[in-house]
Amino acid sequence: MKDVYGFNEIIDGNFELYIDTIYEGGKRGNAGDDPIPKLVGVGNSGGFRIKKSQYDKNKIAYVILYKSGKIIEWPDDFNVETGNFVYYGDNRKAGREIHMTKGNKILREVFDKLHNSEDERREIPPFFVFQKTGEGRDVKFLGLAAPGSENNGPGEDLIAIWKSKNNQRFQNYKAKFTILDTGSDVISKEWLKALVEDENHEKYEPQVWKNFVKSGVNGFKILKAPRVTRFRKPNEQKPSSKHKINLLKIVKDYFDSFGRNGAYRFEKFAAKMVEMSDKNYDGFDLTRPWRDGGRDGVGKYKIGTKYDYIMVECALEAKCYGLKNSVGVKETSRLISRIRHRQFGILVTTSYLSEQAYREIIEDDHPIIVFSGNEIVEQLDYNGLNDVEKLKIWLSDNF
């Protein structure tokens, strides 16, 4: 096993797949540079790439999910710490019915079988997830994915979402997958080949897939990778793409345009971002002053069940800074000084927290949540506000 395999090293049709290994693309400048067809014998286009069974023409042997990061309207998301993988369907044309696309038909059929019997789950094809690295046609293998999530039941793991284009409404699927921990097992060429050619391919499949087929989401062994260091470096707090950076700039410029009043308007925006991120937040009071004269906000967070719960207070600090200007120790100390017993704090900023300030929060065990520029654009993405004009209208209407 190597960290990187060159394009010429990949054997046509069924190559062993290793977690987080990069498979390089070709250099000719055309679609033939895509390494995925050479790796697993599928086509070279689309987010859903299907390999059909040879022993049963009605059966799908396996599915490749390709995460390119280029579809702004449908932001696929992979959380390496939890193993959760959110993937959107392929209905992206206004006026088209949700099941008129290949990918969405697969999602409907797969999730229909997920919560049924073991025999039904046996019909679910394995999903292999690849991600574009940003270097030419190179891809990284993220792992073997099963449909579903340990924290979501039927009706929660596959959701139809409405969006509009050219004043026409249409739906697409948002599907929740889980990356399974295959341990020392690789995705072997024997299993890939058997899935296509051999009706008795079960003898080659990894144990984690057997467990999934037997028990569904209750049989998940999830590939989780907790952080070695709990604080994030500055580049981990910033958006990565030009489009997302532009969205953040639009937000900052909007509030800057109000001069001194922009700070209060941004507090309202910051509270909205936090509420959108977690339904357990129960509103923020942005008029209640603190002892130091600050008026950022006091909110409540609900912990428990719908029958029995407690409300925990939290303090909000909002900083509308440029992407190159960090939030430092002075600002975090101000928030820390406000927090009383049994409270926690949330720092929302369009920029990022300096390494020193972040490190001190973690090392001194202060109950502070950092909501940086990257989290802001993630929430905008998630709520369909990733179009420039739509974002400007939303800001104007609400803040």
Protein backbone atom coordinates (compact mmCIF):
# COMPACT_ATOMS: atom_id res chain seq x y z
CA MET A 1 0.00 0.00 0.00
CA LYS A 2 1.18 3.52 -0.89
CA ASP A 3 -0.22 6.98 -0.19
CA VAL A 4 -0.34 7.77 -3.91
CA TYR A 5 -0.71 5.58 -6.99
CA GLY A 6 0.24 6.99 -10.37
CA PHE A 7 -2.11 6.83 -13.34
CA ASN A 8 0.03 4.26 -15.14
CA GLU A 9 0.15 1.99 -12.08
CA ILE A 10 -3.59 1.45 -11.99
CA ILE A 11 -4.70 -1.82 -13.54
CA ASP A 12 -7.76 -1.59 -15.78
CA GLY A 13 -10.93 -2.90 -14.13
CA ASN A 14 -10.86 -3.67 -10.41
CA PHE A 15 -7.95 -2.34 -8.42
CA GLU A 16 -7.65 -2.67 -4.66
CA LEU A 17 -8.89 0.43 -2.84
CA TYR A 18 -7.20 1.82 0.26
CA ILE A 19 -8.70 4.44 2.61
CA ASP A 20 -7.37 7.99 2.02
CA THR A 21 -5.09 6.86 -0.80
CA ILE A 22 -4.81 9.22 -3.77
CA TYR A 23 -5.15 7.79 -7.28
CA GLU A 24 -3.65 10.15 -9.82
CA GLY A 25 -5.32 11.07 -13.08
CA GLY A 26 -3.73 11.30 -16.49
CA LYS A 27 -2.15 14.40 -18.00
CA ARG A 28 -3.61 14.46 -21.50
CA GLY A 29 -6.27 17.02 -20.69
CA ASN A 30 -9.38 15.04 -21.58
CA ALA A 31 -12.00 12.77 -19.98
CA GLY A 32 -9.68 9.80 -20.40
CA ASP A 33 -7.55 11.21 -17.56
CA ASP A 34 -10.18 10.15 -15.01
CA PRO A 35 -8.66 7.32 -12.91
CA ILE A 36 -11.99 5.99 -11.58
CA PRO A 37 -12.89 4.00 -14.75
CA LYS A 38 -9.49 2.33 -14.63
CA LEU A 39 -9.87 1.56 -10.92
CA VAL A 40 -13.35 0.08 -10.82
CA GLY A 41 -14.57 -0.27 -14.39
CA VAL A 42 -17.31 2.39 -14.46
CA GLY A 43 -17.95 5.44 -16.65
CA ASN A 44 -16.10 8.74 -16.43
CA SER A 45 -18.95 11.18 -15.82
CA GLY A 46 -21.51 12.03 -13.16
CA GLY A 47 -21.73 11.77 -9.40
CA PHE A 48 -23.46 8.36 -9.56
CA ARG A 49 -21.47 5.76 -11.50
CA ILE A 50 -23.00 2.34 -11.69
CA LYS A 51 -21.49 -1.07 -12.33
CA LYS A 52 -24.06 -3.59 -13.52
CA SER A 53 -24.09 -7.25 -12.60
CA GLN A 54 -23.23 -9.73 -15.33
CA TYR A 55 -25.13 -12.63 -13.77
CA ASP A 56 -28.36 -10.63 -13.23
CA LYS A 57 -29.10 -7.85 -15.72
CA ASN A 58 -31.57 -6.24 -13.30
CA LYS A 59 -29.06 -6.00 -10.46
CA ILE A 60 -26.55 -3.26 -9.63
CA ALA A 61 -23.21 -4.71 -8.57
CA TYR A 62 -21.94 -1.54 -6.89
CA VAL A 63 -22.20 2.25 -7.06
CA ILE A 64 -19.46 4.87 -7.12
CA LEU A 65 -20.30 8.18 -5.45
CA TYR A 66 -18.05 10.94 -6.74
CA LYS A 67 -17.73 14.12 -4.67
CA SER A 68 -16.43 16.88 -6.91
CA GLY A 69 -17.19 19.90 -4.72
CA LYS A 70 -18.26 21.85 -7.82
CA ILE A 71 -22.04 21.67 -7.45
CA ILE A 72 -22.58 24.82 -5.40
CA GLU A 73 -26.35 24.38 -5.07
CA TRP A 74 -26.03 20.87 -3.62
CA PRO A 75 -23.06 20.87 -1.19
CA ASP A 76 -22.13 17.25 -0.43
CA ASP A 77 -20.47 16.96 2.96
CA PHE A 78 -18.13 14.44 4.61
CA ASN A 79 -17.37 14.62 8.34
CA VAL A 80 -14.15 12.70 8.92
CA GLU A 81 -14.62 12.78 12.70
CA THR A 82 -18.07 11.15 12.74
CA GLY A 83 -17.98 9.15 9.50
CA ASN A 84 -21.19 10.85 8.31
CA PHE A 85 -21.46 11.49 4.58
CA VAL A 86 -24.26 13.61 3.10
CA TYR A 87 -24.78 13.18 -0.63
CA TYR A 88 -27.32 14.92 -2.84
CA GLY A 89 -29.19 13.35 -5.72
CA ASP A 90 -28.80 14.20 -9.39
CA ASN A 91 -32.05 16.02 -10.18
CA ARG A 92 -30.79 19.53 -10.93
CA LYS A 93 -33.19 20.72 -13.62
CA ALA A 94 -36.22 22.83 -12.80
CA GLY A 95 -39.52 21.31 -13.86
CA ARG A 96 -38.22 17.72 -13.80
CA GLU A 97 -39.80 15.15 -11.50
CA ILE A 98 -37.51 13.90 -8.72
CA HIS A 99 -37.32 10.28 -9.90
CA MET A 100 -36.54 10.99 -13.56
CA THR A 101 -32.80 10.68 -12.88
CA LYS A 102 -30.67 7.58 -12.49
CA GLY A 103 -29.17 8.54 -9.14
CA ASN A 104 -32.43 9.44 -7.45
CA LYS A 105 -34.06 6.19 -8.55
CA ILE A 106 -31.18 4.32 -6.90
CA LEU A 107 -31.51 6.35 -3.70
CA ARG A 108 -35.24 5.69 -3.46
CA GLU A 109 -34.84 1.95 -3.99
CA VAL A 110 -31.90 1.60 -1.61
CA PHE A 111 -33.43 3.55 1.27
CA ASP A 112 -36.73 1.71 0.83
CA LYS A 113 -34.86 -1.53 1.55
CA LEU A 114 -32.64 -0.17 4.33
CA HIS A 115 -35.11 -0.44 7.21
CA ASN A 116 -36.72 -3.70 6.09
CA SER A 117 -35.57 -7.31 6.35
CA GLU A 118 -32.08 -8.78 5.98
CA ASP A 119 -33.15 -10.25 2.63
CA GLU A 120 -34.09 -6.76 1.43
CA ARG A 121 -30.76 -5.30 2.59
CA ARG A 122 -28.93 -8.07 0.75
CA GLU A 123 -30.18 -6.39 -2.43
CA ILE A 124 -28.51 -3.07 -1.54
CA PRO A 125 -25.31 -2.52 -3.54
CA PRO A 126 -22.17 -1.31 -1.74
CA PHE A 127 -21.26 2.34 -2.30
CA PHE A 128 -17.63 3.39 -2.81
CA VAL A 129 -16.91 7.08 -2.22
CA PHE A 130 -14.28 9.11 -4.08
CA GLN A 131 -13.44 12.78 -3.66
CA LYS A 132 -11.76 15.14 -6.09
CA THR A 133 -8.47 16.36 -4.60
CA GLY A 134 -8.27 19.63 -6.52
CA GLU A 135 -5.17 18.52 -8.44
CA GLY A 136 -6.08 17.75 -12.05
CA ARG A 137 -8.14 14.56 -12.22
CA ASP A 138 -6.65 13.07 -9.05
CA VAL A 139 -9.10 11.45 -6.62
CA LYS A 140 -8.98 10.25 -3.03
CA PHE A 141 -10.80 7.12 -1.87
CA LEU A 142 -12.87 7.97 1.23
CA GLY A 143 -14.21 4.51 1.91
CA LEU A 144 -17.04 1.99 1.77
CA ALA A 145 -20.39 3.66 2.50
CA ALA A 146 -23.68 2.18 3.63
CA PRO A 147 -26.99 4.06 3.39
CA GLY A 148 -28.34 5.42 6.65
CA SER A 149 -27.07 7.00 9.85
CA GLU A 150 -27.03 5.72 13.42
CA ASN A 151 -28.79 8.87 14.63
CA ASN A 152 -31.56 8.93 12.03
CA GLY A 153 -34.54 6.65 11.65
CA PRO A 154 -36.82 5.92 8.69
CA GLY A 155 -37.97 9.15 7.08
CA GLU A 156 -34.94 11.08 8.35
CA ASP A 157 -32.10 9.60 6.33
CA LEU A 158 -33.51 10.34 2.86
CA ILE A 159 -35.22 13.69 2.49
CA ALA A 160 -36.70 15.39 -0.57
CA ILE A 161 -35.71 19.07 -0.66
CA TRP A 162 -37.42 21.77 -2.70
CA LYS A 163 -35.42 24.37 -4.61
CA SER A 164 -36.24 26.77 -7.43
CA LYS A 165 -34.60 27.84 -10.67
CA ASN A 166 -35.95 30.35 -13.20
CA ASN A 167 -39.10 30.59 -11.04
CA GLN A 168 -39.72 26.85 -11.37
CA ARG A 169 -39.75 24.61 -8.31
CA PHE A 170 -38.23 21.16 -8.26
CA GLN A 171 -37.06 18.53 -5.78
CA ASN A 172 -33.85 16.65 -5.15
CA TYR A 173 -32.83 14.08 -2.57
CA LYS A 174 -30.56 14.64 0.40
CA ALA A 175 -29.21 11.24 1.45
CA LYS A 176 -27.31 10.34 4.61
CA PHE A 177 -24.64 7.65 4.35
CA THR A 178 -22.11 6.27 6.83
CA ILE A 179 -18.49 5.40 6.02
CA LEU A 180 -17.80 1.95 7.47
CA ASP A 181 -14.63 0.94 9.28
CA THR A 182 -13.17 -1.89 7.21
CA GLY A 183 -10.18 -2.17 9.56
CA SER A 184 -7.33 -4.10 8.03
CA ASP A 185 -9.58 -5.25 5.18
CA VAL A 186 -8.98 -3.51 1.88
CA ILE A 187 -11.63 -3.24 -0.79
CA SER A 188 -10.19 -6.16 -2.67
CA LYS A 189 -10.21 -6.70 -6.41
CA GLU A 190 -11.65 -10.16 -5.68
CA TRP A 191 -14.75 -8.65 -4.07
CA LEU A 192 -15.19 -6.05 -6.81
CA LYS A 193 -14.89 -8.72 -9.47
CA ALA A 194 -17.20 -11.13 -7.65
CA LEU A 195 -19.88 -8.45 -7.19
CA VAL A 196 -20.05 -8.24 -10.98
CA GLU A 197 -19.53 -11.86 -11.99
CA ASP A 198 -20.38 -14.19 -9.10
CA GLU A 199 -23.77 -14.69 -7.49
CA ASN A 200 -21.97 -16.00 -4.41
CA HIS A 201 -19.91 -12.86 -3.89
CA GLU A 202 -20.72 -12.74 -0.14
CA LYS A 203 -17.67 -14.88 0.64
CA TYR A 204 -15.39 -12.01 -0.43
CA GLU A 205 -17.12 -9.10 1.31
CA PRO A 206 -15.64 -7.36 4.39
CA GLN A 207 -17.11 -8.25 7.78
CA VAL A 208 -18.48 -4.73 8.26
CA TRP A 209 -20.64 -5.13 5.17
CA LYS A 210 -21.91 -8.50 6.43
CA ASN A 211 -22.85 -6.81 9.72
CA PHE A 212 -24.70 -4.06 7.88
CA VAL A 213 -26.67 -6.54 5.77
CA LYS A 214 -27.62 -8.50 8.88
CA SER A 215 -28.55 -5.65 11.22
CA GLY A 216 -28.86 -2.45 9.17
CA VAL A 217 -27.85 0.77 10.93
CA ASN A 218 -27.67 -1.15 14.22
CA GLY A 219 -24.81 -3.17 12.76
CA PHE A 220 -22.70 -0.17 11.78
CA LYS A 221 -19.03 -0.16 12.65
CA ILE A 222 -18.30 3.45 11.79
CA LEU A 223 -14.97 4.83 10.61
CA LYS A 224 -14.48 7.71 13.04
CA ALA A 225 -11.33 9.79 13.23
CA PRO A 226 -11.38 12.13 16.26
CA ARG A 227 -9.08 15.13 16.18
CA VAL A 228 -5.62 14.71 17.66
CA THR A 229 -5.67 18.41 18.53
CA ARG A 230 -9.03 19.87 19.51
CA PHE A 231 -8.37 23.38 18.28
CA ARG A 232 -8.49 24.20 14.58
CA LYS A 233 -5.78 25.97 12.70
CA PRO A 234 -6.76 29.25 10.94
CA ASN A 235 -7.01 27.61 7.50
CA GLU A 236 -9.45 25.04 8.94
CA GLN A 237 -11.76 27.84 10.04
CA LYS A 238 -11.87 29.61 6.67
CA PRO A 239 -13.88 28.65 3.58
CA SER A 240 -11.75 27.01 0.92
CA SER A 241 -13.40 27.81 -2.41
CA LYS A 242 -13.50 31.18 -4.18
CA HIS A 243 -17.28 31.06 -4.30
CA LYS A 244 -17.60 30.54 -0.54
CA ILE A 245 -15.06 33.26 0.18
CA ASN A 246 -17.13 35.59 -2.01
CA LEU A 247 -20.30 34.72 -0.04
CA LEU A 248 -18.52 35.63 3.18
CA LYS A 249 -17.32 38.90 1.67
CA ILE A 250 -20.90 39.75 0.66
CA VAL A 251 -22.00 39.19 4.26
CA LYS A 252 -19.24 41.41 5.69
CA ASP A 253 -19.71 44.18 3.11
CA TYR A 254 -23.44 44.23 3.76
CA PHE A 255 -23.07 44.87 7.49
CA ASP A 256 -20.14 47.26 6.97
CA SER A 257 -22.40 49.39 4.79
CA PHE A 258 -24.41 50.41 7.88
CA GLY A 259 -21.42 51.93 9.65
CA ARG A 260 -21.63 51.75 13.44
CA ASN A 261 -25.15 50.30 13.28
CA GLY A 262 -23.81 47.36 11.31
CA ALA A 263 -22.43 45.73 14.46
CA TYR A 264 -25.89 45.37 16.01
CA ARG A 265 -27.36 44.10 12.73
CA PHE A 266 -24.57 41.54 12.55
CA GLU A 267 -25.42 40.33 16.07
CA LYS A 268 -28.90 39.50 14.80
CA PHE A 269 -27.36 37.67 11.83
CA ALA A 270 -24.96 35.77 14.12
CA ALA A 271 -27.84 34.65 16.34
CA LYS A 272 -29.74 33.48 13.24
CA MET A 273 -26.75 31.43 12.06
CA VAL A 274 -26.49 29.69 15.44
CA GLU A 275 -30.23 28.97 15.54
CA MET A 276 -30.09 27.56 12.00
CA SER A 277 -27.23 25.26 12.96
CA ASP A 278 -29.12 23.49 15.77
CA LYS A 279 -32.86 23.38 16.39
CA ASN A 280 -32.28 23.10 20.15
CA TYR A 281 -31.38 26.79 20.44
CA ASP A 282 -34.43 28.62 21.76
CA GLY A 283 -33.85 32.19 20.61
CA PHE A 284 -31.51 35.01 21.63
CA ASP A 285 -32.21 38.23 23.50
CA LEU A 286 -30.09 40.87 21.79
CA THR A 287 -31.28 43.79 23.91
CA ARG A 288 -30.27 42.61 27.38
CA PRO A 289 -27.11 44.52 28.45
CA TRP A 290 -24.15 42.96 30.21
CA ARG A 291 -22.31 44.55 33.10
CA ASP A 292 -19.62 45.80 30.70
CA GLY A 293 -22.18 47.53 28.51
CA GLY A 294 -22.03 44.97 25.73
CA ARG A 295 -25.23 43.87 24.05
CA ASP A 296 -24.30 40.91 21.87
CA GLY A 297 -26.84 38.41 23.16
CA VAL A 298 -28.09 35.88 25.67
CA GLY A 299 -29.73 32.68 24.49
CA LYS A 300 -31.07 29.37 25.74
CA TYR A 301 -30.29 25.84 24.67
CA LYS A 302 -32.65 22.92 25.21
CA ILE A 303 -31.19 19.65 26.53
CA GLY A 304 -33.28 16.51 26.98
CA THR A 305 -36.33 14.99 25.31
CA LYS A 306 -39.55 16.60 24.18
CA TYR A 307 -41.14 15.38 27.42
CA ASP A 308 -38.43 16.25 29.93
CA TYR A 309 -35.73 18.86 29.35
CA ILE A 310 -33.72 21.69 30.86
CA MET A 311 -32.79 25.08 29.40
CA VAL A 312 -29.13 26.14 29.59
CA GLU A 313 -28.13 29.77 29.09
CA CYS A 314 -25.48 30.79 26.61
CA ALA A 315 -23.72 34.05 25.79
CA LEU A 316 -23.22 35.22 22.22
CA GLU A 317 -20.27 37.28 20.98
CA ALA A 318 -20.38 38.44 17.33
CA LYS A 319 -17.41 39.83 15.39
CA CYS A 320 -17.79 40.97 11.77
CA TYR A 321 -14.13 40.93 10.73
CA GLY A 322 -12.33 40.68 7.42
CA LEU A 323 -11.09 37.26 6.41
CA LYS A 324 -7.47 38.27 7.10
CA ASN A 325 -8.20 39.73 10.56
CA SER A 326 -8.30 37.18 13.35
CA VAL A 327 -10.28 37.26 16.58
CA GLY A 328 -7.70 37.35 19.35
CA VAL A 329 -7.25 36.78 23.07
CA LYS A 330 -8.74 40.18 23.96
CA GLU A 331 -12.10 39.33 22.38
CA THR A 332 -12.25 35.79 23.74
CA SER A 333 -11.31 37.00 27.24
CA ARG A 334 -14.26 39.40 27.10
CA LEU A 335 -16.62 36.53 26.33
CA ILE A 336 -15.08 34.24 28.96
CA SER A 337 -15.48 36.92 31.63
CA ARG A 338 -19.21 37.12 30.92
CA ILE A 339 -19.94 33.44 31.37
CA ARG A 340 -21.44 32.46 34.71
CA HIS A 341 -21.80 29.05 36.32
CA ARG A 342 -23.71 26.59 34.11
CA GLN A 343 -23.46 28.83 31.05
CA PHE A 344 -21.51 28.44 27.83
CA GLY A 345 -20.41 30.91 25.18
CA ILE A 346 -20.62 31.09 21.40
CA LEU A 347 -18.24 33.25 19.38
CA VAL A 348 -19.47 33.95 15.86
CA THR A 349 -17.15 35.62 13.37
CA THR A 350 -16.83 36.10 9.64
CA SER A 351 -13.09 35.47 10.02
CA TYR A 352 -11.27 33.04 12.33
CA LEU A 353 -9.90 32.62 15.83
CA SER A 354 -6.16 33.11 16.28
CA GLU A 355 -4.20 30.01 17.21
CA GLN A 356 -3.21 31.45 20.59
CA ALA A 357 -6.79 32.36 21.51
CA TYR A 358 -8.13 28.99 20.36
CA ARG A 359 -5.42 27.08 22.18
CA GLU A 360 -6.08 28.94 25.45
CA ILE A 361 -9.81 28.15 25.24
CA ILE A 362 -9.10 24.45 24.82
CA GLU A 363 -6.21 24.12 27.26
CA ASP A 364 -8.05 26.07 30.00
CA ASP A 365 -11.23 24.10 29.31
CA HIS A 366 -13.47 27.13 28.77
CA PRO A 367 -16.99 26.23 27.55
CA ILE A 368 -16.75 28.22 24.31
CA ILE A 369 -18.05 27.20 20.88
CA VAL A 370 -16.25 28.77 17.92
CA PHE A 371 -18.48 29.52 14.92
CA SER A 372 -16.07 30.77 12.27
CA GLY A 373 -16.39 32.00 8.69
CA ASN A 374 -16.40 28.46 7.37
CA GLU A 375 -19.38 27.52 9.54
CA ILE A 376 -21.26 30.61 8.34
CA VAL A 377 -20.96 29.65 4.66
CA GLU A 378 -21.80 26.02 5.52
CA GLN A 379 -25.07 27.19 7.04
CA LEU A 380 -25.77 29.44 4.07
CA ASP A 381 -25.09 26.45 1.79
CA TYR A 382 -27.29 24.12 3.81
CA ASN A 383 -30.20 26.57 3.74
CA GLY A 384 -30.02 27.28 0.01
CA LEU A 385 -28.46 30.73 0.37
CA ASN A 386 -25.37 30.03 -1.72
CA ASP A 387 -26.50 32.05 -4.74
CA VAL A 388 -25.09 35.60 -4.66
CA GLU A 389 -28.28 37.43 -5.61
CA LYS A 390 -30.46 35.27 -3.38
CA LEU A 391 -28.12 35.90 -0.44
CA LYS A 392 -28.19 39.67 -0.98
CA ILE A 393 -32.00 39.67 -1.04
CA TRP A 394 -32.18 37.51 2.10
CA LEU A 395 -29.80 39.81 3.99
CA SER A 396 -31.74 42.90 2.92
CA ASP A 397 -35.09 41.38 3.91
CA ASN A 398 -33.98 40.12 7.33
CA PHE A 399 -31.22 42.34 8.70
